[in-house]
Amino acid sequence: MVTREVLNQNKQQKIIEEQQRETRKKIVIFILKLIIVLITIFFLLYFYTTYSSTTSIIVKEKRIINEKIPSNFNGIKIIHFSDLHYGTTIFEKEVKKIVNLINERNPDLVLFTGDLIDQNYSLSSKKQEKLIAQLKKINANLGKYAIMGEEDEKNFTTIFNQSDFTILNNDYELIYKDNSQPILLIGLASLLQEKRDIDQGYRYFKEPTANKNIFTISLLHEPDSTNEIINHYPTDLILAGHSHNGTIRIPFLGAIKKIKGAQEYDQEYYNLKNSQLYISSGLGTNGPGFRLFCHPSINFFRLSNQ
């Protein structure tokens, strides 16, 4: 005969087993929910870094105030774009969008700071013709200028020459408006191609008739020659590319990796001595082929002397 005590023990054992089953069930449900959340986060992050953050182009508008800017250049609009890396996340459709974004702002000067075609992409003659046709549509009444990046080869010269751009290769040009006092535009060749010649690019200042107080814009691809420039030559506005501002950035910490040629300078803006340095985040991608907290962008400047 089963005693009351044994019956109570059996009942208690069943209660414990039931509680254990419920606990295991809750743990399994929690793990499944966690897996679903992690998978969702992964796909959202993948979508953001691969698609949204690489195609949502931001136009960053800045005012450049400098007393050296001639009065006739007050209100002049400058578009600076860089690192197209055609063949990564940028193709014909995206180039059309970029050209429209530029022309919508009616720029007076358009400046490109290198890396037109991605080094791992083979551009067909047909696609080259279409790229030229699009770049040719860019309007700028004071001129369109470009410098070469470390990935640019011979098709760079063909494309930009046929797109009505002037290529500055360790060279300078005086930009006039209304035949009055000009501003100076200097373009340097690529540092990583070992073709940069700062003295050659800034030879204007060695001429006996040079205006040492002329407002000067310098175009670099890799920004890490900035100190050498500002320590030897006057320059007021420096525009560069190459770094992509880090491509993958962590809020409050910055880029997780710096690349050669942009070890010292990789962020969007630096106020240096008597110069301002703006580094484009670029339009295409390099390396991993995605972005995080670093959208592609175009810089849009307005000049003013007060």
Protein backbone atom coordinates (compact mmCIF):
# COMPACT_ATOMS: atom_id res chain seq x y z
CA MET A 1 0.00 0.00 0.00
CA VAL A 2 1.31 3.43 -1.07
CA THR A 3 1.60 5.79 1.81
CA ARG A 4 0.51 9.43 1.77
CA GLU A 5 4.17 10.46 2.06
CA VAL A 6 5.12 8.58 -1.13
CA LEU A 7 2.15 10.08 -2.98
CA ASN A 8 3.24 13.58 -1.94
CA GLN A 9 6.80 12.91 -3.10
CA ASN A 10 5.55 11.66 -6.47
CA LYS A 11 3.35 14.70 -6.87
CA GLN A 12 6.19 17.01 -5.92
CA GLN A 13 8.49 15.30 -8.44
CA LYS A 14 5.92 15.81 -11.21
CA ILE A 15 5.65 19.52 -10.31
CA ILE A 16 9.45 19.88 -10.46
CA GLU A 17 9.61 18.09 -13.81
CA GLU A 18 6.84 20.32 -15.18
CA GLN A 19 8.69 23.43 -13.99
CA GLN A 20 11.88 22.20 -15.65
CA ARG A 21 10.04 21.62 -18.92
CA GLU A 22 8.59 25.13 -18.77
CA THR A 23 12.05 26.56 -18.04
CA ARG A 24 13.61 24.68 -20.96
CA LYS A 25 10.75 25.83 -23.20
CA LYS A 26 11.30 29.47 -22.19
CA ILE A 27 15.05 29.15 -22.83
CA VAL A 28 14.44 27.66 -26.29
CA ILE A 29 11.92 30.40 -27.14
CA PHE A 30 14.37 33.08 -25.91
CA ILE A 31 17.20 31.64 -28.02
CA LEU A 32 14.96 31.48 -31.10
CA LYS A 33 13.87 35.09 -30.59
CA LEU A 34 17.50 36.15 -30.11
CA ILE A 35 18.52 34.36 -33.32
CA ILE A 36 15.67 36.06 -35.23
CA VAL A 37 16.67 39.49 -33.85
CA LEU A 38 20.35 38.92 -34.72
CA ILE A 39 19.48 37.76 -38.23
CA THR A 40 17.23 40.79 -38.70
CA ILE A 41 19.96 43.14 -37.47
CA PHE A 42 22.49 41.46 -39.75
CA PHE A 43 20.30 41.89 -42.84
CA LEU A 44 19.38 45.47 -41.94
CA LEU A 45 23.06 46.30 -41.40
CA TYR A 46 24.00 44.55 -44.64
CA PHE A 47 21.30 46.44 -46.55
CA TYR A 48 22.35 49.74 -44.97
CA THR A 49 26.09 49.37 -45.51
CA THR A 50 25.83 47.84 -48.98
CA TYR A 51 22.95 49.78 -50.51
CA SER A 52 21.50 52.69 -48.55
CA SER A 53 24.79 54.10 -47.24
CA THR A 54 26.53 53.77 -50.62
CA THR A 55 23.80 55.33 -52.78
CA SER A 56 22.35 58.13 -50.62
CA ILE A 57 24.55 61.02 -51.75
CA ILE A 58 24.77 63.99 -49.40
CA VAL A 59 25.55 67.51 -50.61
CA LYS A 60 27.58 69.27 -47.91
CA GLU A 61 27.26 73.03 -48.22
CA LYS A 62 29.92 75.27 -46.66
CA ARG A 63 30.73 78.99 -46.82
CA ILE A 64 34.38 79.93 -47.28
CA ILE A 65 35.05 83.35 -45.80
CA ASN A 66 38.44 84.92 -46.47
CA GLU A 67 39.36 88.59 -46.87
CA LYS A 68 41.71 87.65 -49.72
CA ILE A 69 38.79 86.65 -51.94
CA PRO A 70 38.30 89.39 -54.58
CA SER A 71 34.98 91.19 -54.41
CA ASN A 72 34.03 90.00 -57.88
CA PHE A 73 34.30 86.42 -56.56
CA ASN A 74 31.79 86.98 -53.75
CA GLY A 75 29.05 84.38 -54.05
CA ILE A 76 31.04 82.17 -56.44
CA LYS A 77 29.87 78.55 -56.15
CA ILE A 78 32.31 75.64 -56.22
CA ILE A 79 31.50 71.94 -56.47
CA HIS A 80 34.15 69.52 -55.23
CA PHE A 81 33.71 65.81 -55.89
CA SER A 82 36.15 62.94 -55.68
CA ASP A 83 36.81 59.18 -55.75
CA LEU A 84 34.12 58.14 -58.18
CA HIS A 85 35.65 54.64 -58.38
CA TYR A 86 33.42 53.86 -61.35
CA GLY A 87 32.73 50.15 -61.38
CA THR A 88 32.19 49.69 -57.62
CA THR A 89 28.90 51.18 -56.44
CA ILE A 90 28.94 53.84 -59.18
CA PHE A 91 27.76 53.06 -62.71
CA GLU A 92 25.99 54.97 -65.49
CA LYS A 93 22.78 55.45 -63.52
CA GLU A 94 24.63 56.86 -60.50
CA VAL A 95 26.79 59.15 -62.70
CA LYS A 96 23.61 60.66 -64.19
CA LYS A 97 22.37 61.34 -60.66
CA ILE A 98 25.68 62.94 -59.68
CA VAL A 99 25.70 65.17 -62.78
CA ASN A 100 22.14 66.30 -62.01
CA LEU A 101 23.04 67.06 -58.39
CA ILE A 102 25.96 69.19 -59.60
CA ASN A 103 24.06 71.07 -62.30
CA GLU A 104 21.09 71.77 -60.02
CA ARG A 105 23.40 74.05 -58.01
CA ASN A 106 24.66 76.03 -61.01
CA PRO A 107 28.34 75.94 -59.97
CA ASP A 108 30.91 78.38 -61.31
CA LEU A 109 33.81 76.00 -60.72
CA VAL A 110 33.80 72.19 -60.66
CA LEU A 111 36.81 70.42 -59.15
CA PHE A 112 37.55 66.69 -59.15
CA THR A 113 40.30 65.29 -56.91
CA GLY A 114 41.13 61.88 -58.32
CA ASP A 115 40.31 58.16 -58.65
CA LEU A 116 37.86 58.12 -61.52
CA ILE A 117 37.77 54.42 -62.47
CA ASP A 118 38.26 51.66 -59.92
CA GLN A 119 41.55 49.87 -60.48
CA ASN A 120 39.84 46.45 -60.52
CA TYR A 121 37.25 47.43 -63.12
CA SER A 122 37.72 47.07 -66.86
CA LEU A 123 35.95 49.95 -68.60
CA SER A 124 34.71 49.05 -72.08
CA SER A 125 34.97 51.60 -74.89
CA LYS A 126 31.16 51.86 -74.99
CA LYS A 127 30.90 52.60 -71.28
CA GLN A 128 33.77 55.07 -71.59
CA GLU A 129 31.85 56.96 -74.27
CA LYS A 130 28.77 57.08 -72.04
CA LEU A 131 30.83 58.29 -69.08
CA ILE A 132 32.36 61.05 -71.22
CA ALA A 133 28.91 62.08 -72.43
CA GLN A 134 27.68 62.44 -68.85
CA LEU A 135 30.72 64.31 -67.52
CA LYS A 136 30.55 66.64 -70.51
CA LYS A 137 27.06 67.70 -69.38
CA ILE A 138 28.48 69.24 -66.20
CA ASN A 139 28.17 73.02 -66.49
CA ALA A 140 30.60 75.48 -64.89
CA ASN A 141 31.11 78.91 -66.40
CA LEU A 142 34.57 79.42 -64.85
CA GLY A 143 35.85 75.98 -65.73
CA LYS A 144 36.06 72.30 -64.81
CA TYR A 145 39.34 70.96 -63.41
CA ALA A 146 40.65 67.55 -62.38
CA ILE A 147 43.72 65.94 -60.85
CA MET A 148 44.78 62.29 -60.92
CA GLY A 149 44.55 59.82 -58.05
CA GLU A 150 46.77 56.81 -57.47
CA GLU A 151 44.35 54.54 -59.36
CA ASP A 152 44.07 56.75 -62.44
CA GLU A 153 45.70 55.62 -65.68
CA LYS A 154 45.78 56.75 -69.29
CA ASN A 155 42.00 56.55 -69.81
CA PHE A 156 41.68 59.26 -67.14
CA THR A 157 43.31 61.81 -69.47
CA THR A 158 41.19 60.74 -72.44
CA ILE A 159 37.94 60.85 -70.47
CA PHE A 160 38.48 64.24 -68.87
CA ASN A 161 39.95 65.91 -71.93
CA GLN A 162 36.93 64.84 -73.95
CA SER A 163 34.63 65.95 -71.12
CA ASP A 164 35.96 69.53 -71.30
CA PHE A 165 37.89 69.29 -68.03
CA THR A 166 41.34 70.82 -67.64
CA ILE A 167 43.79 68.42 -65.99
CA LEU A 168 46.25 70.03 -63.59
CA ASN A 169 49.34 67.87 -63.16
CA ASN A 170 51.70 69.74 -60.80
CA ASP A 171 50.40 72.85 -62.50
CA TYR A 172 48.39 75.97 -61.79
CA GLU A 173 45.84 78.20 -63.45
CA LEU A 174 44.68 81.73 -62.75
CA ILE A 175 40.88 81.86 -62.63
CA TYR A 176 39.45 85.16 -63.83
CA LYS A 177 35.97 86.59 -63.52
CA ASP A 178 35.04 89.78 -65.35
CA ASN A 179 38.73 90.30 -66.27
CA SER A 180 39.42 91.55 -62.77
CA GLN A 181 41.66 90.24 -59.97
CA PRO A 182 41.95 86.44 -60.26
CA ILE A 183 42.18 83.58 -57.80
CA LEU A 184 44.83 80.86 -58.07
CA LEU A 185 44.05 77.18 -58.58
CA ILE A 186 46.86 74.64 -58.07
CA GLY A 187 46.60 70.93 -58.81
CA LEU A 188 49.16 68.37 -57.67
CA ALA A 189 49.80 64.89 -59.05
CA SER A 190 49.34 61.75 -56.95
CA LEU A 191 51.61 61.22 -53.95
CA LEU A 192 51.30 57.42 -54.10
CA GLN A 193 52.16 57.39 -57.79
CA GLU A 194 55.31 59.26 -56.73
CA LYS A 195 54.54 61.97 -59.27
CA ARG A 196 53.79 64.82 -56.89
CA ASP A 197 56.07 67.82 -57.31
CA ILE A 198 55.08 70.54 -54.86
CA ASP A 199 57.70 73.06 -55.99
CA GLN A 200 56.61 72.66 -59.60
CA GLY A 201 52.95 73.01 -58.69
CA TYR A 202 53.55 76.15 -56.63
CA ARG A 203 56.03 77.75 -59.03
CA TYR A 204 53.67 80.72 -59.45
CA PHE A 205 54.93 82.10 -56.15
CA LYS A 206 58.51 82.11 -57.47
CA GLU A 207 57.65 84.38 -60.36
CA PRO A 208 58.74 88.01 -59.90
CA THR A 209 55.27 89.31 -60.75
CA ALA A 210 53.44 86.91 -58.40
CA ASN A 211 50.78 88.30 -56.11
CA LYS A 212 51.77 86.78 -52.76
CA ASN A 213 48.36 87.70 -51.34
CA ILE A 214 46.28 85.95 -53.99
CA PHE A 215 43.48 83.67 -52.76
CA THR A 216 44.71 80.14 -53.46
CA ILE A 217 42.85 76.85 -53.81
CA SER A 218 44.97 73.68 -53.83
CA LEU A 219 43.81 70.32 -55.14
CA LEU A 220 45.37 67.14 -53.71
CA HIS A 221 44.33 63.55 -53.99
CA GLU A 222 46.11 62.15 -50.94
CA PRO A 223 45.94 64.73 -48.10
CA ASP A 224 49.11 63.73 -46.26
CA SER A 225 51.24 66.29 -48.11
CA THR A 226 49.27 69.09 -46.49
CA ASN A 227 51.89 69.98 -43.86
CA GLU A 228 54.67 70.16 -46.43
CA ILE A 229 52.57 72.55 -48.49
CA ILE A 230 51.40 74.93 -45.78
CA ASN A 231 54.89 75.11 -44.26
CA HIS A 232 56.40 76.34 -47.54
CA TYR A 233 53.67 77.98 -49.60
CA PRO A 234 50.60 80.14 -48.95
CA THR A 235 47.35 78.35 -49.63
CA ASP A 236 43.93 79.21 -48.28
CA LEU A 237 41.67 76.33 -49.24
CA ILE A 238 42.88 72.75 -49.73
CA LEU A 239 40.54 70.17 -51.27
CA ALA A 240 41.46 66.48 -51.16
CA GLY A 241 40.03 63.00 -51.48
CA HIS A 242 41.45 59.48 -51.14
CA SER A 243 40.57 58.82 -47.48
CA HIS A 244 36.79 58.46 -48.04
CA ASN A 245 36.74 59.89 -44.48
CA GLY A 246 37.48 56.35 -43.34
CA THR A 247 34.58 54.62 -45.17
CA ILE A 248 33.69 52.67 -42.01
CA ARG A 249 33.31 55.01 -39.05
CA ILE A 250 32.27 54.44 -35.45
CA PRO A 251 30.39 57.34 -33.80
CA PHE A 252 32.64 59.39 -31.47
CA LEU A 253 35.64 57.19 -32.38
CA GLY A 254 36.08 57.89 -36.09
CA ALA A 255 37.51 55.67 -38.81
CA ILE A 256 38.41 52.12 -37.80
CA LYS A 257 41.21 52.02 -40.36
CA LYS A 258 43.40 54.64 -42.01
CA ILE A 259 44.95 54.15 -45.42
CA LYS A 260 48.34 55.08 -46.81
CA GLY A 261 48.34 58.68 -47.98
CA ALA A 262 45.69 59.63 -45.42
CA GLN A 263 47.28 58.50 -42.17
CA GLU A 264 47.46 61.98 -40.67
CA TYR A 265 44.41 63.53 -42.30
CA ASP A 266 41.28 61.49 -42.97
CA GLN A 267 38.37 63.42 -41.50
CA GLU A 268 36.05 65.82 -43.26
CA TYR A 269 37.56 69.13 -42.10
CA TYR A 270 40.72 70.59 -40.55
CA ASN A 271 41.54 74.19 -39.68
CA LEU A 272 45.31 74.38 -40.14
CA LYS A 273 47.48 77.45 -39.69
CA ASN A 274 46.12 79.88 -42.31
CA SER A 275 44.50 77.12 -44.37
CA GLN A 276 41.28 75.15 -44.38
CA LEU A 277 41.43 71.50 -45.46
CA TYR A 278 38.31 69.73 -46.70
CA ILE A 279 38.53 66.02 -47.51
CA SER A 280 35.76 64.48 -49.57
CA SER A 281 34.14 61.25 -48.39
CA GLY A 282 34.07 60.28 -52.08
CA LEU A 283 31.24 58.86 -54.15
CA GLY A 284 32.24 55.27 -54.87
CA THR A 285 33.80 52.75 -52.55
CA ASN A 286 37.10 50.94 -52.25
CA GLY A 287 38.36 48.06 -50.12
CA PRO A 288 35.37 46.18 -48.65
CA GLY A 289 32.89 47.84 -51.00
CA PHE A 290 30.52 49.19 -48.36
CA ARG A 291 30.15 52.13 -45.99
CA LEU A 292 29.11 52.59 -42.39
CA PHE A 293 28.18 56.00 -40.93
CA CYS A 294 29.97 57.60 -43.87
CA HIS A 295 27.69 58.48 -46.77
CA PRO A 296 29.03 59.38 -50.21
CA SER A 297 29.01 63.13 -50.66
CA ILE A 298 29.66 66.20 -52.78
CA ASN A 299 31.12 69.39 -51.30
CA PHE A 300 29.40 72.64 -52.27
CA PHE A 301 31.25 75.84 -51.36
CA ARG A 302 30.30 79.51 -51.61
CA LEU A 303 33.07 82.10 -51.49
CA SER A 304 32.81 85.36 -49.57
CA ASN A 305 35.32 87.97 -48.39
CA GLN A 306 33.23 89.03 -45.42
